[in-house]
Amino acid sequence: MDFYLDELKYRLQNFEGELPGQKAQMKLSPPYRHRFDMEEIKKTNPKVAAVMIMLYENDEGDIEFPVTLRQTYQGVHSNQISLPGGSFEPEDIELSRTAVRETCEEIGVFDEDIEVIRQLTELYIPPSNFLVYPFIGFYDQQPDFIAQTHEVAEILPIDLGAFLRAEPASFERTFSDLKVEIPGYDLGGNEYIWGATAMILSEFAELVEML
């Protein structure tokens, strides 16, 4: 399904139905991941973060959004493809501000040019004990990306139309000498979006298809 940017913004702003939620997220869940009761998770006081699906129109008139390839480091999300975002800080006041601030820091865009449209369903990430709140935002120009090299190895623009038309893929990963088939999105060049980011984008894709 193809949209003009203003049309997509209007439809997202005025959508009054129920979000696709966990059911859509679980379609791209790794097979070893359990379904979590969100209210019980919140009682355990997990760390909190926010991420952004930042939509913009490129010079050819196509709608895109960026994902980032994380740097290699000693951590559970090393070298993974993620949406821009990060941890909540008290000065943020609200989680949408966290998503904007971290997006600006990681990919070099300007906060005054980001319009936050709506929040998607929160998602718990067990390996890092984070409860992540995804937001959809719009950028009013084609960004001139500048990667924060401490965290971001590469910024990858994703064409929204191609993303919505693509069928989810599966690929093999090894965990503790056990080979597992993981669902995700194939970006080519042996790069895949999987895990929490794929689950968030699965809900986003289903929401857009409902508009």
C-alpha atoms as a PDB file:
ATOM      1  CA  MET A   1       0.000   0.000   0.000  1.00  0.00           C
ATOM      2  CA  ASP A   2       1.476   3.329  -1.069  1.00  0.00           C
ATOM      3  CA  PHE A   3       0.703   6.705   0.515  1.00  0.00           C
ATOM      4  CA  TYR A   4       1.704  10.307   0.156  1.00  0.00           C
ATOM      5  CA  LEU A   5       3.390  11.467   3.353  1.00  0.00           C
ATOM      6  CA  ASP A   6       0.631  13.925   4.341  1.00  0.00           C
ATOM      7  CA  GLU A   7      -2.045  11.301   3.711  1.00  0.00           C
ATOM      8  CA  LEU A   8      -0.245   8.755   5.855  1.00  0.00           C
ATOM      9  CA  LYS A   9       0.216  11.296   8.643  1.00  0.00           C
ATOM     10  CA  TYR A  10      -3.471  12.213   8.553  1.00  0.00           C
ATOM     11  CA  ARG A  11      -4.594   8.578   8.655  1.00  0.00           C
ATOM     12  CA  LEU A  12      -2.291   7.722  11.544  1.00  0.00           C
ATOM     13  CA  GLN A  13      -3.358  10.798  13.507  1.00  0.00           C
ATOM     14  CA  ASN A  14      -7.031   9.992  13.054  1.00  0.00           C
ATOM     15  CA  PHE A  15      -6.916   6.235  13.512  1.00  0.00           C
ATOM     16  CA  GLU A  16      -9.361   5.380  16.309  1.00  0.00           C
ATOM     17  CA  GLY A  17      -9.289   1.599  16.178  1.00  0.00           C
ATOM     18  CA  GLU A  18      -7.464  -0.805  18.455  1.00  0.00           C
ATOM     19  CA  LEU A  19      -3.749  -1.191  17.837  1.00  0.00           C
ATOM     20  CA  PRO A  20      -2.649  -4.591  16.471  1.00  0.00           C
ATOM     21  CA  GLY A  21      -0.693  -5.026  19.718  1.00  0.00           C
ATOM     22  CA  GLN A  22       1.067  -8.145  20.992  1.00  0.00           C
ATOM     23  CA  LYS A  23      -0.668 -10.392  18.480  1.00  0.00           C
ATOM     24  CA  ALA A  24       1.076  -8.575  15.623  1.00  0.00           C
ATOM     25  CA  GLN A  25       4.375  -8.379  17.512  1.00  0.00           C
ATOM     26  CA  MET A  26       4.425 -12.118  18.157  1.00  0.00           C
ATOM     27  CA  LYS A  27       4.274 -12.891  14.427  1.00  0.00           C
ATOM     28  CA  LEU A  28       7.963 -11.881  14.252  1.00  0.00           C
ATOM     29  CA  SER A  29       8.930 -13.232  17.666  1.00  0.00           C
ATOM     30  CA  PRO A  30      11.943 -15.559  17.958  1.00  0.00           C
ATOM     31  CA  PRO A  31      10.678 -19.095  18.657  1.00  0.00           C
ATOM     32  CA  TYR A  32      12.334 -19.255  22.076  1.00  0.00           C
ATOM     33  CA  ARG A  33      10.633 -16.069  23.298  1.00  0.00           C
ATOM     34  CA  HIS A  34       7.785 -16.458  25.788  1.00  0.00           C
ATOM     35  CA  ARG A  35       4.687 -14.288  25.825  1.00  0.00           C
ATOM     36  CA  PHE A  36       4.915 -11.920  28.805  1.00  0.00           C
ATOM     37  CA  ASP A  37       2.152 -10.427  30.911  1.00  0.00           C
ATOM     38  CA  MET A  38       2.861  -6.725  30.573  1.00  0.00           C
ATOM     39  CA  GLU A  39       1.251  -5.729  33.862  1.00  0.00           C
ATOM     40  CA  GLU A  40       3.398  -8.251  35.737  1.00  0.00           C
ATOM     41  CA  ILE A  41       6.527  -7.039  33.911  1.00  0.00           C
ATOM     42  CA  LYS A  42       5.840  -3.434  34.935  1.00  0.00           C
ATOM     43  CA  LYS A  43       5.692  -4.493  38.590  1.00  0.00           C
ATOM     44  CA  THR A  44       9.313  -5.685  38.391  1.00  0.00           C
ATOM     45  CA  ASN A  45      10.533  -2.130  37.638  1.00  0.00           C
ATOM     46  CA  PRO A  46      12.373  -2.863  34.352  1.00  0.00           C
ATOM     47  CA  LYS A  47      14.568  -0.288  32.691  1.00  0.00           C
ATOM     48  CA  VAL A  48      12.596   1.943  30.328  1.00  0.00           C
ATOM     49  CA  ALA A  49      13.460   3.092  26.813  1.00  0.00           C
ATOM     50  CA  ALA A  50      11.772   4.585  23.761  1.00  0.00           C
ATOM     51  CA  VAL A  51      12.430   4.199  20.046  1.00  0.00           C
ATOM     52  CA  MET A  52      11.258   6.033  16.950  1.00  0.00           C
ATOM     53  CA  ILE A  53       9.928   5.001  13.552  1.00  0.00           C
ATOM     54  CA  MET A  54      10.760   8.315  11.876  1.00  0.00           C
ATOM     55  CA  LEU A  55       9.022   8.665   8.523  1.00  0.00           C
ATOM     56  CA  TYR A  56      10.135  11.201   5.928  1.00  0.00           C
ATOM     57  CA  GLU A  57       9.901  11.829   2.198  1.00  0.00           C
ATOM     58  CA  ASN A  58      13.082  11.496   0.159  1.00  0.00           C
ATOM     59  CA  ASP A  59      14.006  13.556  -2.903  1.00  0.00           C
ATOM     60  CA  GLU A  60      12.204  11.085  -5.202  1.00  0.00           C
ATOM     61  CA  GLY A  61       8.960  11.439  -3.230  1.00  0.00           C
ATOM     62  CA  ASP A  62       9.166   8.018  -1.586  1.00  0.00           C
ATOM     63  CA  ILE A  63       8.513   7.544   2.136  1.00  0.00           C
ATOM     64  CA  GLU A  64      11.402   6.079   4.134  1.00  0.00           C
ATOM     65  CA  PHE A  65      12.389   5.483   7.748  1.00  0.00           C
ATOM     66  CA  PRO A  66      15.887   4.851   9.154  1.00  0.00           C
ATOM     67  CA  VAL A  67      17.222   1.923  11.117  1.00  0.00           C
ATOM     68  CA  THR A  68      20.699   1.761  12.599  1.00  0.00           C
ATOM     69  CA  LEU A  69      23.367  -0.900  12.668  1.00  0.00           C
ATOM     70  CA  ARG A  70      24.812  -0.898  16.169  1.00  0.00           C
ATOM     71  CA  GLN A  71      28.525  -0.921  16.775  1.00  0.00           C
ATOM     72  CA  THR A  72      30.166  -4.120  17.966  1.00  0.00           C
ATOM     73  CA  TYR A  73      30.535  -4.045  21.759  1.00  0.00           C
ATOM     74  CA  GLN A  74      30.323  -6.249  24.827  1.00  0.00           C
ATOM     75  CA  GLY A  75      26.565  -6.454  25.145  1.00  0.00           C
ATOM     76  CA  VAL A  76      23.494  -8.458  24.159  1.00  0.00           C
ATOM     77  CA  HIS A  77      22.506  -6.120  21.305  1.00  0.00           C
ATOM     78  CA  SER A  78      25.946  -5.783  19.730  1.00  0.00           C
ATOM     79  CA  ASN A  79      25.986  -5.451  15.919  1.00  0.00           C
ATOM     80  CA  GLN A  80      22.198  -5.673  15.654  1.00  0.00           C
ATOM     81  CA  ILE A  81      19.922  -3.535  13.510  1.00  0.00           C
ATOM     82  CA  SER A  82      17.689  -1.321  15.629  1.00  0.00           C
ATOM     83  CA  LEU A  83      15.358   1.636  15.492  1.00  0.00           C
ATOM     84  CA  PRO A  84      16.938   4.843  16.793  1.00  0.00           C
ATOM     85  CA  GLY A  85      16.212   5.313  20.482  1.00  0.00           C
ATOM     86  CA  GLY A  86      17.513   4.747  23.959  1.00  0.00           C
ATOM     87  CA  SER A  87      17.011   4.948  27.705  1.00  0.00           C
ATOM     88  CA  PHE A  88      14.567   7.264  29.451  1.00  0.00           C
ATOM     89  CA  GLU A  89      16.186  10.085  31.443  1.00  0.00           C
ATOM     90  CA  PRO A  90      14.305  11.981  34.195  1.00  0.00           C
ATOM     91  CA  GLU A  91      14.756  15.284  32.373  1.00  0.00           C
ATOM     92  CA  ASP A  92      12.796  13.868  29.435  1.00  0.00           C
ATOM     93  CA  ILE A  93       9.571  14.153  31.477  1.00  0.00           C
ATOM     94  CA  GLU A  94       7.732  11.892  28.996  1.00  0.00           C
ATOM     95  CA  LEU A  95       8.699   8.935  26.824  1.00  0.00           C
ATOM     96  CA  SER A  96       7.953  10.625  23.503  1.00  0.00           C
ATOM     97  CA  ARG A  97      10.668  13.108  24.411  1.00  0.00           C
ATOM     98  CA  THR A  98      13.077  10.223  25.035  1.00  0.00           C
ATOM     99  CA  ALA A  99      12.371   8.872  21.557  1.00  0.00           C
ATOM    100  CA  VAL A 100      12.981  12.286  19.965  1.00  0.00           C
ATOM    101  CA  ARG A 101      16.113  13.081  21.976  1.00  0.00           C
ATOM    102  CA  GLU A 102      17.758   9.722  21.356  1.00  0.00           C
ATOM    103  CA  THR A 103      16.844   9.775  17.663  1.00  0.00           C
ATOM    104  CA  CYS A 104      18.468  13.177  17.275  1.00  0.00           C
ATOM    105  CA  GLU A 105      21.580  12.030  19.114  1.00  0.00           C
ATOM    106  CA  GLU A 106      21.995   8.779  17.171  1.00  0.00           C
ATOM    107  CA  ILE A 107      21.262   9.861  13.592  1.00  0.00           C
ATOM    108  CA  GLY A 108      21.973  13.607  13.622  1.00  0.00           C
ATOM    109  CA  VAL A 109      18.503  15.037  12.945  1.00  0.00           C
ATOM    110  CA  PHE A 110      16.911  18.117  14.554  1.00  0.00           C
ATOM    111  CA  ASP A 111      14.268  17.741  17.255  1.00  0.00           C
ATOM    112  CA  GLU A 112      12.246  20.762  16.080  1.00  0.00           C
ATOM    113  CA  ASP A 113      11.679  18.968  12.752  1.00  0.00           C
ATOM    114  CA  ILE A 114      10.234  15.788  14.320  1.00  0.00           C
ATOM    115  CA  GLU A 115       6.480  15.588  14.864  1.00  0.00           C
ATOM    116  CA  VAL A 116       5.441  12.693  17.100  1.00  0.00           C
ATOM    117  CA  ILE A 117       2.183  11.191  15.849  1.00  0.00           C
ATOM    118  CA  ARG A 118       1.350   8.255  18.079  1.00  0.00           C
ATOM    119  CA  GLN A 119       2.687   5.489  20.312  1.00  0.00           C
ATOM    120  CA  LEU A 120       2.629   1.795  19.472  1.00  0.00           C
ATOM    121  CA  THR A 121       2.380  -1.085  21.947  1.00  0.00           C
ATOM    122  CA  GLU A 122       5.187  -1.363  24.476  1.00  0.00           C
ATOM    123  CA  LEU A 123       7.462  -4.405  24.246  1.00  0.00           C
ATOM    124  CA  TYR A 124       9.538  -6.168  26.880  1.00  0.00           C
ATOM    125  CA  ILE A 125      13.095  -7.243  25.952  1.00  0.00           C
ATOM    126  CA  PRO A 126      14.186 -10.009  28.357  1.00  0.00           C
ATOM    127  CA  PRO A 127      17.967 -10.178  27.618  1.00  0.00           C
ATOM    128  CA  SER A 128      18.499  -6.551  28.640  1.00  0.00           C
ATOM    129  CA  ASN A 129      15.455  -6.183  30.938  1.00  0.00           C
ATOM    130  CA  PHE A 130      14.131  -3.170  29.021  1.00  0.00           C
ATOM    131  CA  LEU A 131      10.520  -2.174  28.524  1.00  0.00           C
ATOM    132  CA  VAL A 132      10.534  -0.322  25.199  1.00  0.00           C
ATOM    133  CA  TYR A 133       7.923   2.183  24.063  1.00  0.00           C
ATOM    134  CA  PRO A 134       7.835   2.689  20.265  1.00  0.00           C
ATOM    135  CA  PHE A 135       6.662   5.951  18.697  1.00  0.00           C
ATOM    136  CA  ILE A 136       5.822   6.962  15.141  1.00  0.00           C
ATOM    137  CA  GLY A 137       7.099  10.365  14.088  1.00  0.00           C
ATOM    138  CA  PHE A 138       7.403  12.445  10.935  1.00  0.00           C
ATOM    139  CA  TYR A 139      10.365  14.498   9.755  1.00  0.00           C
ATOM    140  CA  ASP A 140       9.463  17.441   7.547  1.00  0.00           C
ATOM    141  CA  GLN A 141      12.433  17.198   5.177  1.00  0.00           C
ATOM    142  CA  GLN A 142      14.879  14.634   3.844  1.00  0.00           C
ATOM    143  CA  PRO A 143      17.384  14.152   6.682  1.00  0.00           C
ATOM    144  CA  ASP A 144      21.091  14.688   6.285  1.00  0.00           C
ATOM    145  CA  PHE A 145      22.049  11.813   8.538  1.00  0.00           C
ATOM    146  CA  ILE A 146      25.108  11.977  10.781  1.00  0.00           C
ATOM    147  CA  ALA A 147      25.763   8.803  12.756  1.00  0.00           C
ATOM    148  CA  GLN A 148      26.802   9.000  16.390  1.00  0.00           C
ATOM    149  CA  THR A 149      29.771   6.720  15.822  1.00  0.00           C
ATOM    150  CA  HIS A 150      30.111   5.692  19.468  1.00  0.00           C
ATOM    151  CA  GLU A 151      26.859   3.707  19.154  1.00  0.00           C
ATOM    152  CA  VAL A 152      25.962   3.631  15.465  1.00  0.00           C
ATOM    153  CA  ALA A 153      28.070   1.918  12.811  1.00  0.00           C
ATOM    154  CA  GLU A 154      25.720   2.696   9.909  1.00  0.00           C
ATOM    155  CA  ILE A 155      22.357   4.345   9.181  1.00  0.00           C
ATOM    156  CA  LEU A 156      20.155   2.382   6.781  1.00  0.00           C
ATOM    157  CA  PRO A 157      17.128   4.051   5.118  1.00  0.00           C
ATOM    158  CA  ILE A 158      14.204   1.646   4.583  1.00  0.00           C
ATOM    159  CA  ASP A 159      11.702   2.290   1.793  1.00  0.00           C
ATOM    160  CA  LEU A 160       8.246   2.083   3.368  1.00  0.00           C
ATOM    161  CA  GLY A 161       6.475   0.792   0.257  1.00  0.00           C
ATOM    162  CA  ALA A 162       9.028  -1.964  -0.309  1.00  0.00           C
ATOM    163  CA  PHE A 163       8.932  -2.850   3.394  1.00  0.00           C
ATOM    164  CA  LEU A 164       5.140  -3.218   3.373  1.00  0.00           C
ATOM    165  CA  ARG A 165       5.208  -5.375   0.238  1.00  0.00           C
ATOM    166  CA  ALA A 166       7.992  -7.679   1.465  1.00  0.00           C
ATOM    167  CA  GLU A 167       7.216 -11.011   3.061  1.00  0.00           C
ATOM    168  CA  PRO A 168       8.994 -11.644   6.379  1.00  0.00           C
ATOM    169  CA  ALA A 169      12.010 -13.911   5.962  1.00  0.00           C
ATOM    170  CA  SER A 170      13.701 -16.415   8.224  1.00  0.00           C
ATOM    171  CA  PHE A 171      17.364 -17.048   8.837  1.00  0.00           C
ATOM    172  CA  GLU A 172      19.497 -19.273  11.006  1.00  0.00           C
ATOM    173  CA  ARG A 173      21.339 -18.172  14.131  1.00  0.00           C
ATOM    174  CA  THR A 174      23.273 -20.177  16.710  1.00  0.00           C
ATOM    175  CA  PHE A 175      22.626 -19.725  20.435  1.00  0.00           C
ATOM    176  CA  SER A 176      24.683 -21.837  22.851  1.00  0.00           C
ATOM    177  CA  ASP A 177      25.561 -24.256  20.037  1.00  0.00           C
ATOM    178  CA  LEU A 178      21.852 -24.625  19.159  1.00  0.00           C
ATOM    179  CA  LYS A 179      20.795 -23.566  15.651  1.00  0.00           C
ATOM    180  CA  VAL A 180      17.490 -21.696  15.586  1.00  0.00           C
ATOM    181  CA  GLU A 181      15.362 -20.374  12.711  1.00  0.00           C
ATOM    182  CA  ILE A 182      14.593 -16.702  13.436  1.00  0.00           C
ATOM    183  CA  PRO A 183      11.879 -14.677  11.669  1.00  0.00           C
ATOM    184  CA  GLY A 184      12.740 -11.201  10.482  1.00  0.00           C
ATOM    185  CA  TYR A 185      13.169  -8.838   7.544  1.00  0.00           C
ATOM    186  CA  ASP A 186      15.910  -9.462   4.993  1.00  0.00           C
ATOM    187  CA  LEU A 187      17.813  -6.283   4.088  1.00  0.00           C
ATOM    188  CA  GLY A 188      20.204  -8.090   1.742  1.00  0.00           C
ATOM    189  CA  GLY A 189      23.943  -8.494   2.191  1.00  0.00           C
ATOM    190  CA  ASN A 190      23.343 -10.973   5.013  1.00  0.00           C
ATOM    191  CA  GLU A 191      21.733  -8.215   7.130  1.00  0.00           C
ATOM    192  CA  TYR A 192      18.453  -8.939   8.923  1.00  0.00           C
ATOM    193  CA  ILE A 193      16.100  -7.046  11.187  1.00  0.00           C
ATOM    194  CA  TRP A 194      15.045  -9.459  13.919  1.00  0.00           C
ATOM    195  CA  GLY A 195      14.130  -9.667  17.591  1.00  0.00           C
ATOM    196  CA  ALA A 196      12.448  -6.700  19.275  1.00  0.00           C
ATOM    197  CA  THR A 197      12.925  -4.373  16.302  1.00  0.00           C
ATOM    198  CA  ALA A 198      11.236  -6.829  13.930  1.00  0.00           C
ATOM    199  CA  MET A 199       8.401  -7.299  16.426  1.00  0.00           C
ATOM    200  CA  ILE A 200       7.844  -3.531  16.674  1.00  0.00           C
ATOM    201  CA  LEU A 201       7.901  -3.164  12.891  1.00  0.00           C
ATOM    202  CA  SER A 202       5.464  -6.067  12.541  1.00  0.00           C
ATOM    203  CA  GLU A 203       2.882  -4.123  14.553  1.00  0.00           C
ATOM    204  CA  PHE A 204       3.656  -0.949  12.605  1.00  0.00           C
ATOM    205  CA  ALA A 205       3.201  -2.728   9.253  1.00  0.00           C
ATOM    206  CA  GLU A 206      -0.115  -4.210  10.358  1.00  0.00           C
ATOM    207  CA  LEU A 207      -1.323  -0.816  11.569  1.00  0.00           C
ATOM    208  CA  VAL A 208      -0.480   0.848   8.246  1.00  0.00           C
ATOM    209  CA  GLU A 209      -2.320  -1.915   6.389  1.00  0.00           C
ATOM    210  CA  MET A 210      -5.389  -1.167   8.512  1.00  0.00           C
ATOM    211  CA  LEU A 211      -5.521   2.516   7.556  1.00  0.00           C
END
